[in-house]
Amino acid sequence: MKIMTCKQMGGPCDAQISGSNPQEMLKRGLDNLSLNVDPDHQAALKMMKAMDPDSPEAKQWHADFETKFSQLS
């Protein structure tokens, strides 16, 4: 199990997000954004949902996330 903070994933808080693989961690990160109703979390969630998964920005974010995940111990 690997752990990153919401901030390390691009979110607004220091909540610890865990996952045994990148997909699990991403799902739990999105859950963290969805379950927090404060404006910062909602803005981050809105931005993530609006991002076209095929856009260069989304592909770069995902590649960066995969790299960060693989570097975790």
Protein backbone atom coordinates (compact mmCIF):
# COMPACT_ATOMS: atom_id res chain seq x y z
CA MET A 1 0.00 0.00 0.00
CA LYS A 2 1.39 3.40 -0.97
CA ILE A 3 0.35 6.78 0.46
CA MET A 4 0.28 10.32 -0.95
CA THR A 5 -1.43 13.42 0.35
CA CYS A 6 -4.27 15.08 -1.46
CA LYS A 7 -1.89 18.01 -2.10
CA GLN A 8 0.71 15.71 -3.68
CA MET A 9 -2.01 14.59 -6.06
CA GLY A 10 -2.93 18.19 -6.92
CA GLY A 11 -5.72 18.66 -4.39
CA PRO A 12 -6.17 21.23 -1.62
CA CYS A 13 -5.60 19.30 1.64
CA ASP A 14 -3.21 17.11 3.60
CA ALA A 15 -5.50 14.07 3.79
CA GLN A 16 -3.62 10.84 3.23
CA ILE A 17 -4.74 8.91 0.16
CA SER A 18 -3.67 5.27 -0.09
CA GLY A 19 -3.71 2.70 -2.83
CA SER A 20 -2.04 -0.51 -3.86
CA ASN A 21 -1.93 0.66 -7.48
CA PRO A 22 -2.29 4.01 -9.28
CA GLN A 23 -5.92 3.41 -10.28
CA GLU A 24 -6.96 2.64 -6.71
CA MET A 25 -5.19 5.74 -5.43
CA LEU A 26 -6.78 7.92 -8.11
CA LYS A 27 -10.24 6.61 -7.22
CA ARG A 28 -9.67 7.30 -3.53
CA GLY A 29 -8.32 10.76 -4.37
CA LEU A 30 -11.47 11.54 -6.33
CA ASP A 31 -13.54 10.18 -3.45
CA ASN A 32 -11.74 12.60 -1.12
CA LEU A 33 -12.60 15.50 -3.43
CA SER A 34 -16.21 14.36 -3.78
CA LEU A 35 -16.84 13.84 -0.07
CA ASN A 36 -15.49 17.24 1.01
CA VAL A 37 -17.99 20.00 0.36
CA ASP A 38 -15.67 22.93 1.01
CA PRO A 39 -15.10 25.27 -1.96
CA ASP A 40 -11.45 24.25 -2.49
CA HIS A 41 -12.28 20.55 -2.85
CA GLN A 42 -15.29 21.28 -5.05
CA ALA A 43 -13.21 23.52 -7.33
CA ALA A 44 -10.55 20.80 -7.70
CA LEU A 45 -13.24 18.19 -8.40
CA LYS A 46 -14.87 20.42 -11.01
CA MET A 47 -11.51 20.97 -12.71
CA MET A 48 -10.75 17.23 -12.78
CA LYS A 49 -14.17 16.36 -14.19
CA ALA A 50 -13.91 19.07 -16.86
CA MET A 51 -10.52 17.89 -18.06
CA ASP A 52 -10.60 16.02 -21.36
CA PRO A 53 -8.79 12.74 -20.65
CA ASP A 54 -7.23 12.85 -24.12
CA SER A 55 -5.88 16.39 -23.72
CA PRO A 56 -2.11 16.92 -23.47
CA GLU A 57 -2.58 18.40 -19.98
CA ALA A 58 -4.47 15.35 -18.72
CA LYS A 59 -1.96 12.96 -20.26
CA GLN A 60 0.92 14.90 -18.68
CA TRP A 61 -0.78 14.97 -15.26
CA HIS A 62 -1.36 11.22 -15.45
CA ALA A 63 2.23 10.52 -16.53
CA ASP A 64 3.53 12.69 -13.67
CA PHE A 65 1.23 10.91 -11.22
CA GLU A 66 2.37 7.47 -12.42
CA THR A 67 5.99 8.55 -11.91
CA LYS A 68 5.29 9.88 -8.40
CA PHE A 69 3.40 6.70 -7.53
CA SER A 70 6.21 4.44 -8.75
CA GLN A 71 8.74 6.39 -6.66
CA LEU A 72 6.80 5.86 -3.42
CA SER A 73 8.08 3.23 -1.04
